[in-house]
Amino acid sequence: MTLKPLFDRVVIRNIETEEVTKGGILLTSAAKEKPQMAEVLAVGPGDKETAMVVKVGEKVVYSKYAGTEVKLDGEEVIIVKQSDILAVVE
């Protein structure tokens, strides 16, 4: 199953990274903050006022509490508005 976002929506998937403290302690997923970096999976067509800037495959940083989480084929993805994406990581 695939998601085709509408208007200025973007489908993203969090990029999980292992976090290690300065002392060398590996943090578990329960102790970590929610990641804010994600990979773009699908981009909507935009609308009259909004031209889509992000592209599929780009890595982005998004607002901390943005979007709606959806489970798709056992994988969690997030649907956000393009305005909730803060930056593209190069």
PDB file of N, CA and C in Angstrom:
ATOM      1  N   MET A   1       0.843  -1.170   0.000  1.00  0.00           N
ATOM      2  CA  MET A   1       0.000   0.000   0.000  1.00  0.00           C
ATOM      3  C   MET A   1       0.898   1.245   0.000  1.00  0.00           C
ATOM      4  N   THR A   2       0.485   2.257  -0.751  1.00  0.00           N
ATOM      5  CA  THR A   2       1.250   3.503  -0.793  1.00  0.00           C
ATOM      6  C   THR A   2       0.349   4.666  -0.417  1.00  0.00           C
ATOM      7  N   LEU A   3       0.968   5.728   0.052  1.00  0.00           N
ATOM      8  CA  LEU A   3       0.245   6.948   0.382  1.00  0.00           C
ATOM      9  C   LEU A   3       0.558   8.012  -0.660  1.00  0.00           C
ATOM     10  N   LYS A   4      -0.466   8.658  -1.161  1.00  0.00           N
ATOM     11  CA  LYS A   4      -0.291   9.770  -2.091  1.00  0.00           C
ATOM     12  C   LYS A   4      -0.821  11.016  -1.381  1.00  0.00           C
ATOM     13  N   PRO A   5       0.088  11.865  -0.873  1.00  0.00           N
ATOM     14  CA  PRO A   5      -0.360  13.030  -0.117  1.00  0.00           C
ATOM     15  C   PRO A   5      -1.080  14.047  -0.998  1.00  0.00           C
ATOM     16  N   LEU A   6      -2.023  14.754  -0.392  1.00  0.00           N
ATOM     17  CA  LEU A   6      -2.795  15.765  -1.092  1.00  0.00           C
ATOM     18  C   LEU A   6      -2.263  17.157  -0.770  1.00  0.00           C
ATOM     19  N   PHE A   7      -2.492  18.083  -1.682  1.00  0.00           N
ATOM     20  CA  PHE A   7      -2.160  19.499  -1.517  1.00  0.00           C
ATOM     21  C   PHE A   7      -0.704  19.694  -1.076  1.00  0.00           C
ATOM     22  N   ASP A   8      -0.466  20.391   0.042  1.00  0.00           N
ATOM     23  CA  ASP A   8       0.904  20.703   0.462  1.00  0.00           C
ATOM     24  C   ASP A   8       1.399  19.748   1.540  1.00  0.00           C
ATOM     25  N   ARG A   9       0.926  18.512   1.510  1.00  0.00           N
ATOM     26  CA  ARG A   9       1.332  17.521   2.506  1.00  0.00           C
ATOM     27  C   ARG A   9       2.550  16.737   2.011  1.00  0.00           C
ATOM     28  N   VAL A  10       3.336  16.249   2.996  1.00  0.00           N
ATOM     29  CA  VAL A  10       4.543  15.478   2.716  1.00  0.00           C
ATOM     30  C   VAL A  10       4.539  14.262   3.640  1.00  0.00           C
ATOM     31  N   VAL A  11       4.864  13.087   3.109  1.00  0.00           N
ATOM     32  CA  VAL A  11       4.976  11.865   3.908  1.00  0.00           C
ATOM     33  C   VAL A  11       6.457  11.668   4.217  1.00  0.00           C
ATOM     34  N   ILE A  12       6.772  11.546   5.524  1.00  0.00           N
ATOM     35  CA  ILE A  12       8.158  11.382   5.946  1.00  0.00           C
ATOM     36  C   ILE A  12       8.293  10.166   6.864  1.00  0.00           C
ATOM     37  N   ARG A  13       9.529   9.657   6.970  1.00  0.00           N
ATOM     38  CA  ARG A  13       9.839   8.552   7.880  1.00  0.00           C
ATOM     39  C   ARG A  13      11.012   8.989   8.741  1.00  0.00           C
ATOM     40  N   ASN A  14      10.870   8.839  10.059  1.00  0.00           N
ATOM     41  CA  ASN A  14      11.954   9.223  10.968  1.00  0.00           C
ATOM     42  C   ASN A  14      13.221   8.439  10.671  1.00  0.00           C
ATOM     43  N   ILE A  15      14.337   9.114  10.825  1.00  0.00           N
ATOM     44  CA  ILE A  15      15.643   8.472  10.696  1.00  0.00           C
ATOM     45  C   ILE A  15      16.127   8.197  12.101  1.00  0.00           C
ATOM     46  N   GLU A  16      16.226   6.924  12.435  1.00  0.00           N
ATOM     47  CA  GLU A  16      16.665   6.541  13.776  1.00  0.00           C
ATOM     48  C   GLU A  16      18.187   6.601  13.860  1.00  0.00           C
ATOM     49  N   THR A  17      18.673   7.254  14.888  1.00  0.00           N
ATOM     50  CA  THR A  17      20.111   7.318  15.121  1.00  0.00           C
ATOM     51  C   THR A  17      20.387   6.857  16.535  1.00  0.00           C
ATOM     52  N   GLU A  18      21.497   6.179  16.722  1.00  0.00           N
ATOM     53  CA  GLU A  18      21.886   5.789  18.070  1.00  0.00           C
ATOM     54  C   GLU A  18      22.488   6.993  18.753  1.00  0.00           C
ATOM     55  N   GLU A  19      22.064   7.226  19.977  1.00  0.00           N
ATOM     56  CA  GLU A  19      22.603   8.351  20.715  1.00  0.00           C
ATOM     57  C   GLU A  19      23.501   7.836  21.823  1.00  0.00           C
ATOM     58  N   VAL A  20      24.667   8.438  21.916  1.00  0.00           N
ATOM     59  CA  VAL A  20      25.624   8.093  22.950  1.00  0.00           C
ATOM     60  C   VAL A  20      25.937   9.371  23.713  1.00  0.00           C
ATOM     61  N   THR A  21      25.905   9.307  25.032  1.00  0.00           N
ATOM     62  CA  THR A  21      26.226  10.473  25.842  1.00  0.00           C
ATOM     63  C   THR A  21      27.725  10.740  25.771  1.00  0.00           C
ATOM     64  N   LYS A  22      28.155  11.894  26.278  1.00  0.00           N
ATOM     65  CA  LYS A  22      29.588  12.220  26.285  1.00  0.00           C
ATOM     66  C   LYS A  22      30.381  11.221  27.108  1.00  0.00           C
ATOM     67  N   GLY A  23      29.734  10.598  28.084  1.00  0.00           N
ATOM     68  CA  GLY A  23      30.396   9.599  28.918  1.00  0.00           C
ATOM     69  C   GLY A  23      30.445   8.225  28.271  1.00  0.00           C
ATOM     70  N   GLY A  24      29.831   8.062  27.085  1.00  0.00           N
ATOM     71  CA  GLY A  24      29.878   6.798  26.359  1.00  0.00           C
ATOM     72  C   GLY A  24      28.709   5.874  26.631  1.00  0.00           C
ATOM     73  N   ILE A  25      27.667   6.367  27.291  1.00  0.00           N
ATOM     74  CA  ILE A  25      26.506   5.537  27.587  1.00  0.00           C
ATOM     75  C   ILE A  25      25.544   5.570  26.395  1.00  0.00           C
ATOM     76  N   LEU A  26      25.148   4.397  25.930  1.00  0.00           N
ATOM     77  CA  LEU A  26      24.218   4.283  24.811  1.00  0.00           C
ATOM     78  C   LEU A  26      22.796   4.429  25.344  1.00  0.00           C
ATOM     79  N   LEU A  27      22.039   5.392  24.800  1.00  0.00           N
ATOM     80  CA  LEU A  27      20.674   5.630  25.255  1.00  0.00           C
ATOM     81  C   LEU A  27      19.703   4.698  24.545  1.00  0.00           C
ATOM     82  N   THR A  28      18.757   4.171  25.290  1.00  0.00           N
ATOM     83  CA  THR A  28      17.724   3.320  24.696  1.00  0.00           C
ATOM     84  C   THR A  28      16.687   4.204  24.020  1.00  0.00           C
ATOM     85  N   SER A  29      15.811   3.611  23.223  1.00  0.00           N
ATOM     86  CA  SER A  29      14.794   4.387  22.524  1.00  0.00           C
ATOM     87  C   SER A  29      13.829   5.053  23.501  1.00  0.00           C
ATOM     88  N   ALA A  30      13.610   4.472  24.669  1.00  0.00           N
ATOM     89  CA  ALA A  30      12.707   5.063  25.658  1.00  0.00           C
ATOM     90  C   ALA A  30      13.313   6.315  26.281  1.00  0.00           C
ATOM     91  N   ALA A  31      14.632   6.402  26.342  1.00  0.00           N
ATOM     92  CA  ALA A  31      15.296   7.540  26.976  1.00  0.00           C
ATOM     93  C   ALA A  31      15.573   8.671  25.996  1.00  0.00           C
ATOM     94  N   LYS A  32      15.442   8.401  24.709  1.00  0.00           N
ATOM     95  CA  LYS A  32      15.742   9.417  23.703  1.00  0.00           C
ATOM     96  C   LYS A  32      14.567  10.347  23.479  1.00  0.00           C
ATOM     97  N   GLU A  33      14.886  11.555  23.012  1.00  0.00           N
ATOM     98  CA  GLU A  33      13.832  12.463  22.578  1.00  0.00           C
ATOM     99  C   GLU A  33      13.343  12.009  21.208  1.00  0.00           C
ATOM    100  N   LYS A  34      12.148  12.447  20.851  1.00  0.00           N
ATOM    101  CA  LYS A  34      11.592  12.134  19.544  1.00  0.00           C
ATOM    102  C   LYS A  34      12.511  12.721  18.469  1.00  0.00           C
ATOM    103  N   PRO A  35      12.927  11.914  17.483  1.00  0.00           N
ATOM    104  CA  PRO A  35      13.817  12.446  16.444  1.00  0.00           C
ATOM    105  C   PRO A  35      13.118  13.500  15.602  1.00  0.00           C
ATOM    106  N   GLN A  36      13.881  14.458  15.116  1.00  0.00           N
ATOM    107  CA  GLN A  36      13.309  15.518  14.296  1.00  0.00           C
ATOM    108  C   GLN A  36      13.879  15.486  12.890  1.00  0.00           C
ATOM    109  N   MET A  37      14.646  14.455  12.565  1.00  0.00           N
ATOM    110  CA  MET A  37      15.199  14.319  11.227  1.00  0.00           C
ATOM    111  C   MET A  37      14.494  13.152  10.551  1.00  0.00           C
ATOM    112  N   ALA A  38      14.136  13.362   9.275  1.00  0.00           N
ATOM    113  CA  ALA A  38      13.376  12.335   8.570  1.00  0.00           C
ATOM    114  C   ALA A  38      13.742  12.325   7.090  1.00  0.00           C
ATOM    115  N   GLU A  39      13.324  11.242   6.433  1.00  0.00           N
ATOM    116  CA  GLU A  39      13.499  11.101   4.986  1.00  0.00           C
ATOM    117  C   GLU A  39      12.144  11.303   4.322  1.00  0.00           C
ATOM    118  N   VAL A  40      12.122  12.041   3.227  1.00  0.00           N
ATOM    119  CA  VAL A  40      10.881  12.307   2.500  1.00  0.00           C
ATOM    120  C   VAL A  40      10.544  11.094   1.635  1.00  0.00           C
ATOM    121  N   LEU A  41       9.333  10.552   1.819  1.00  0.00           N
ATOM    122  CA  LEU A  41       8.885   9.382   1.057  1.00  0.00           C
ATOM    123  C   LEU A  41       7.961   9.755  -0.098  1.00  0.00           C
ATOM    124  N   ALA A  42       7.133  10.791   0.101  1.00  0.00           N
ATOM    125  CA  ALA A  42       6.187  11.213  -0.941  1.00  0.00           C
ATOM    126  C   ALA A  42       5.859  12.686  -0.734  1.00  0.00           C
ATOM    127  N   VAL A  43       5.590  13.376  -1.848  1.00  0.00           N
ATOM    128  CA  VAL A  43       5.296  14.809  -1.817  1.00  0.00           C
ATOM    129  C   VAL A  43       4.005  15.054  -2.587  1.00  0.00           C
ATOM    130  N   GLY A  44       3.121  15.864  -1.997  1.00  0.00           N
ATOM    131  CA  GLY A  44       1.877  16.225  -2.667  1.00  0.00           C
ATOM    132  C   GLY A  44       2.122  17.187  -3.818  1.00  0.00           C
ATOM    133  N   PRO A  45       1.090  17.480  -4.608  1.00  0.00           N
ATOM    134  CA  PRO A  45       1.252  18.337  -5.782  1.00  0.00           C
ATOM    135  C   PRO A  45       1.328  19.828  -5.468  1.00  0.00           C
ATOM    136  N   GLY A  46       1.022  20.214  -4.216  1.00  0.00           N
ATOM    137  CA  GLY A  46       0.978  21.635  -3.879  1.00  0.00           C
ATOM    138  C   GLY A  46      -0.392  22.203  -4.223  1.00  0.00           C
ATOM    139  N   ASP A  47      -0.517  23.515  -4.114  1.00  0.00           N
ATOM    140  CA  ASP A  47      -1.761  24.168  -4.500  1.00  0.00           C
ATOM    141  C   ASP A  47      -1.439  25.528  -5.101  1.00  0.00           C
ATOM    142  N   LYS A  48      -2.451  26.347  -5.337  1.00  0.00           N
ATOM    143  CA  LYS A  48      -2.238  27.636  -6.011  1.00  0.00           C
ATOM    144  C   LYS A  48      -1.263  28.546  -5.271  1.00  0.00           C
ATOM    145  N   GLU A  49      -1.317  28.550  -3.946  1.00  0.00           N
ATOM    146  CA  GLU A  49      -0.452  29.430  -3.158  1.00  0.00           C
ATOM    147  C   GLU A  49       0.878  28.795  -2.772  1.00  0.00           C
ATOM    148  N   THR A  50       0.988  27.475  -2.852  1.00  0.00           N
ATOM    149  CA  THR A  50       2.159  26.778  -2.333  1.00  0.00           C
ATOM    150  C   THR A  50       2.850  25.960  -3.417  1.00  0.00           C
ATOM    151  N   ALA A  51       4.092  26.321  -3.716  1.00  0.00           N
ATOM    152  CA  ALA A  51       4.921  25.505  -4.608  1.00  0.00           C
ATOM    153  C   ALA A  51       5.705  24.532  -3.729  1.00  0.00           C
ATOM    154  N   MET A  52       5.774  23.278  -4.132  1.00  0.00           N
ATOM    155  CA  MET A  52       6.472  22.275  -3.330  1.00  0.00           C
ATOM    156  C   MET A  52       7.979  22.404  -3.526  1.00  0.00           C
ATOM    157  N   VAL A  53       8.703  22.495  -2.417  1.00  0.00           N
ATOM    158  CA  VAL A  53      10.146  22.713  -2.433  1.00  0.00           C
ATOM    159  C   VAL A  53      10.904  21.417  -2.166  1.00  0.00           C
ATOM    160  N   VAL A  54      10.378  20.568  -1.297  1.00  0.00           N
ATOM    161  CA  VAL A  54      11.076  19.327  -0.950  1.00  0.00           C
ATOM    162  C   VAL A  54      10.834  18.258  -2.007  1.00  0.00           C
ATOM    163  N   LYS A  55      11.775  17.307  -2.094  1.00  0.00           N
ATOM    164  CA  LYS A  55      11.693  16.231  -3.079  1.00  0.00           C
ATOM    165  C   LYS A  55      11.832  14.884  -2.382  1.00  0.00           C
ATOM    166  N   VAL A  56      11.315  13.859  -3.002  1.00  0.00           N
ATOM    167  CA  VAL A  56      11.421  12.498  -2.480  1.00  0.00           C
ATOM    168  C   VAL A  56      12.892  12.125  -2.338  1.00  0.00           C
ATOM    169  N   GLY A  57      13.232  11.522  -1.195  1.00  0.00           N
ATOM    170  CA  GLY A  57      14.602  11.078  -0.940  1.00  0.00           C
ATOM    171  C   GLY A  57      15.433  12.055  -0.138  1.00  0.00           C
ATOM    172  N   GLU A  58      15.000  13.303  -0.020  1.00  0.00           N
ATOM    173  CA  GLU A  58      15.765  14.288   0.752  1.00  0.00           C
ATOM    174  C   GLU A  58      15.613  14.021   2.246  1.00  0.00           C
ATOM    175  N   LYS A  59      16.630  14.412   2.994  1.00  0.00           N
ATOM    176  CA  LYS A  59      16.567  14.351   4.444  1.00  0.00           C
ATOM    177  C   LYS A  59      16.192  15.740   4.942  1.00  0.00           C
ATOM    178  N   VAL A  60      15.237  15.793   5.872  1.00  0.00           N
ATOM    179  CA  VAL A  60      14.723  17.074   6.341  1.00  0.00           C
ATOM    180  C   VAL A  60      14.663  17.102   7.867  1.00  0.00           C
ATOM    181  N   VAL A  61      14.615  18.316   8.410  1.00  0.00           N
ATOM    182  CA  VAL A  61      14.380  18.543   9.823  1.00  0.00           C
ATOM    183  C   VAL A  61      12.989  19.153   9.927  1.00  0.00           C
ATOM    184  N   TYR A  62      12.154  18.615  10.823  1.00  0.00           N
ATOM    185  CA  TYR A  62      10.781  19.098  10.932  1.00  0.00           C
ATOM    186  C   TYR A  62      10.465  19.506  12.369  1.00  0.00           C
ATOM    187  N   SER A  63       9.381  20.248  12.538  1.00  0.00           N
ATOM    188  CA  SER A  63       8.957  20.712  13.852  1.00  0.00           C
ATOM    189  C   SER A  63       8.702  19.528  14.780  1.00  0.00           C
ATOM    190  N   LYS A  64       9.010  19.730  16.044  1.00  0.00           N
ATOM    191  CA  LYS A  64       8.984  18.644  17.024  1.00  0.00           C
ATOM    192  C   LYS A  64       7.632  17.940  17.159  1.00  0.00           C
ATOM    193  N   TYR A  65       6.547  18.671  17.214  1.00  0.00           N
ATOM    194  CA  TYR A  65       5.235  18.054  17.435  1.00  0.00           C
ATOM    195  C   TYR A  65       4.349  18.138  16.200  1.00  0.00           C
ATOM    196  N   ALA A  66       4.946  18.168  15.029  1.00  0.00           N
ATOM    197  CA  ALA A  66       4.200  18.332  13.779  1.00  0.00           C
ATOM    198  C   ALA A  66       3.676  16.996  13.271  1.00  0.00           C
ATOM    199  N   GLY A  67       2.612  17.066  12.506  1.00  0.00           N
ATOM    200  CA  GLY A  67       2.160  15.935  11.726  1.00  0.00           C
ATOM    201  C   GLY A  67       1.251  14.941  12.416  1.00  0.00           C
ATOM    202  N   THR A  68       0.845  13.983  11.616  1.00  0.00           N
ATOM    203  CA  THR A  68      -0.021  12.899  12.054  1.00  0.00           C
ATOM    204  C   THR A  68       0.693  11.584  11.783  1.00  0.00           C
ATOM    205  N   GLU A  69       0.847  10.769  12.829  1.00  0.00           N
ATOM    206  CA  GLU A  69       1.509   9.477  12.659  1.00  0.00           C
ATOM    207  C   GLU A  69       0.523   8.459  12.109  1.00  0.00           C
ATOM    208  N   VAL A  70       0.980   7.683  11.113  1.00  0.00           N
ATOM    209  CA  VAL A  70       0.156   6.676  10.461  1.00  0.00           C
ATOM    210  C   VAL A  70       0.977   5.399  10.352  1.00  0.00           C
ATOM    211  N   LYS A  71       0.350   4.259  10.606  1.00  0.00           N
ATOM    212  CA  LYS A  71       1.031   2.972  10.449  1.00  0.00           C
ATOM    213  C   LYS A  71       0.668   2.423   9.080  1.00  0.00           C
ATOM    214  N   LEU A  72       1.687   2.165   8.264  1.00  0.00           N
ATOM    215  CA  LEU A  72       1.484   1.697   6.897  1.00  0.00           C
ATOM    216  C   LEU A  72       2.325   0.457   6.674  1.00  0.00           C
ATOM    217  N   ASP A  73       1.679  -0.674   6.478  1.00  0.00           N
ATOM    218  CA  ASP A  73       2.376  -1.960   6.291  1.00  0.00           C
ATOM    219  C   ASP A  73       3.381  -2.226   7.408  1.00  0.00           C
ATOM    220  N   GLY A  74       2.991  -1.949   8.650  1.00  0.00           N
ATOM    221  CA  GLY A  74       3.852  -2.215   9.801  1.00  0.00           C
ATOM    222  C   GLY A  74       4.922  -1.166  10.045  1.00  0.00           C
ATOM    223  N   GLU A  75       4.966  -0.127   9.238  1.00  0.00           N
ATOM    224  CA  GLU A  75       5.974   0.917   9.376  1.00  0.00           C
ATOM    225  C   GLU A  75       5.286   2.233   9.727  1.00  0.00           C
ATOM    226  N   GLU A  76       5.859   2.962  10.689  1.00  0.00           N
ATOM    227  CA  GLU A  76       5.274   4.243  11.064  1.00  0.00           C
ATOM    228  C   GLU A  76       5.802   5.355  10.175  1.00  0.00           C
ATOM    229  N   VAL A  77       4.880   6.100   9.575  1.00  0.00           N
ATOM    230  CA  VAL A  77       5.234   7.269   8.778  1.00  0.00           C
ATOM    231  C   VAL A  77       4.480   8.466   9.351  1.00  0.00           C
ATOM    232  N   ILE A  78       4.901   9.660   8.980  1.00  0.00           N
ATOM    233  CA  ILE A  78       4.271  10.876   9.475  1.00  0.00           C
ATOM    234  C   ILE A  78       3.861  11.721   8.274  1.00  0.00           C
ATOM    235  N   ILE A  79       2.641  12.244   8.320  1.00  0.00           N
ATOM    236  CA  ILE A  79       2.170  13.156   7.282  1.00  0.00           C
ATOM    237  C   ILE A  79       2.210  14.562   7.863  1.00  0.00           C
ATOM    238  N   VAL A  80       3.000  15.440   7.243  1.00  0.00           N
ATOM    239  CA  VAL A  80       3.151  16.817   7.719  1.00  0.00           C
ATOM    240  C   VAL A  80       2.838  17.791   6.594  1.00  0.00           C
ATOM    241  N   LYS A  81       2.538  19.023   6.959  1.00  0.00           N
ATOM    242  CA  LYS A  81       2.434  20.086   5.971  1.00  0.00           C
ATOM    243  C   LYS A  81       3.848  20.516   5.601  1.00  0.00           C
ATOM    244  N   GLN A  82       4.032  20.983   4.391  1.00  0.00           N
ATOM    245  CA  GLN A  82       5.365  21.434   3.990  1.00  0.00           C
ATOM    246  C   GLN A  82       5.860  22.561   4.900  1.00  0.00           C
ATOM    247  N   SER A  83       4.968  23.387   5.414  1.00  0.00           N
ATOM    248  CA  SER A  83       5.364  24.491   6.300  1.00  0.00           C
ATOM    249  C   SER A  83       5.915  24.007   7.634  1.00  0.00           C
ATOM    250  N   ASP A  84       5.669  22.733   8.006  1.00  0.00           N
ATOM    251  CA  ASP A  84       6.228  22.164   9.241  1.00  0.00           C
ATOM    252  C   ASP A  84       7.659  21.679   9.040  1.00  0.00           C
ATOM    253  N   ILE A  85       8.125  21.630   7.796  1.00  0.00           N
ATOM    254  CA  ILE A  85       9.510  21.241   7.513  1.00  0.00           C
ATOM    255  C   ILE A  85      10.367  22.494   7.624  1.00  0.00           C
ATOM    256  N   LEU A  86      11.374  22.411   8.495  1.00  0.00           N
ATOM    257  CA  LEU A  86      12.193  23.585   8.806  1.00  0.00           C
ATOM    258  C   LEU A  86      13.412  23.727   7.914  1.00  0.00           C
ATOM    259  N   ALA A  87      14.004  22.602   7.473  1.00  0.00           N
ATOM    260  CA  ALA A  87      15.232  22.672   6.684  1.00  0.00           C
ATOM    261  C   ALA A  87      15.455  21.367   5.935  1.00  0.00           C
ATOM    262  N   VAL A  88      16.231  21.452   4.861  1.00  0.00           N
ATOM    263  CA  VAL A  88      16.687  20.282   4.115  1.00  0.00           C
ATOM    264  C   VAL A  88      18.138  20.067   4.498  1.00  0.00           C
ATOM    265  N   VAL A  89      18.493  18.835   4.848  1.00  0.00           N
ATOM    266  CA  VAL A  89      19.861  18.488   5.252  1.00  0.00           C
ATOM    267  C   VAL A  89      20.641  18.119   4.010  1.00  0.00           C
ATOM    268  N   GLU A  90      21.778  18.773   3.804  1.00  0.00           N
ATOM    269  CA  GLU A  90      22.619  18.476   2.627  1.00  0.00           C
ATOM    270  C   GLU A  90      23.889  17.789   3.051  1.00  0.00           C
TER     271      GLU A  90
END
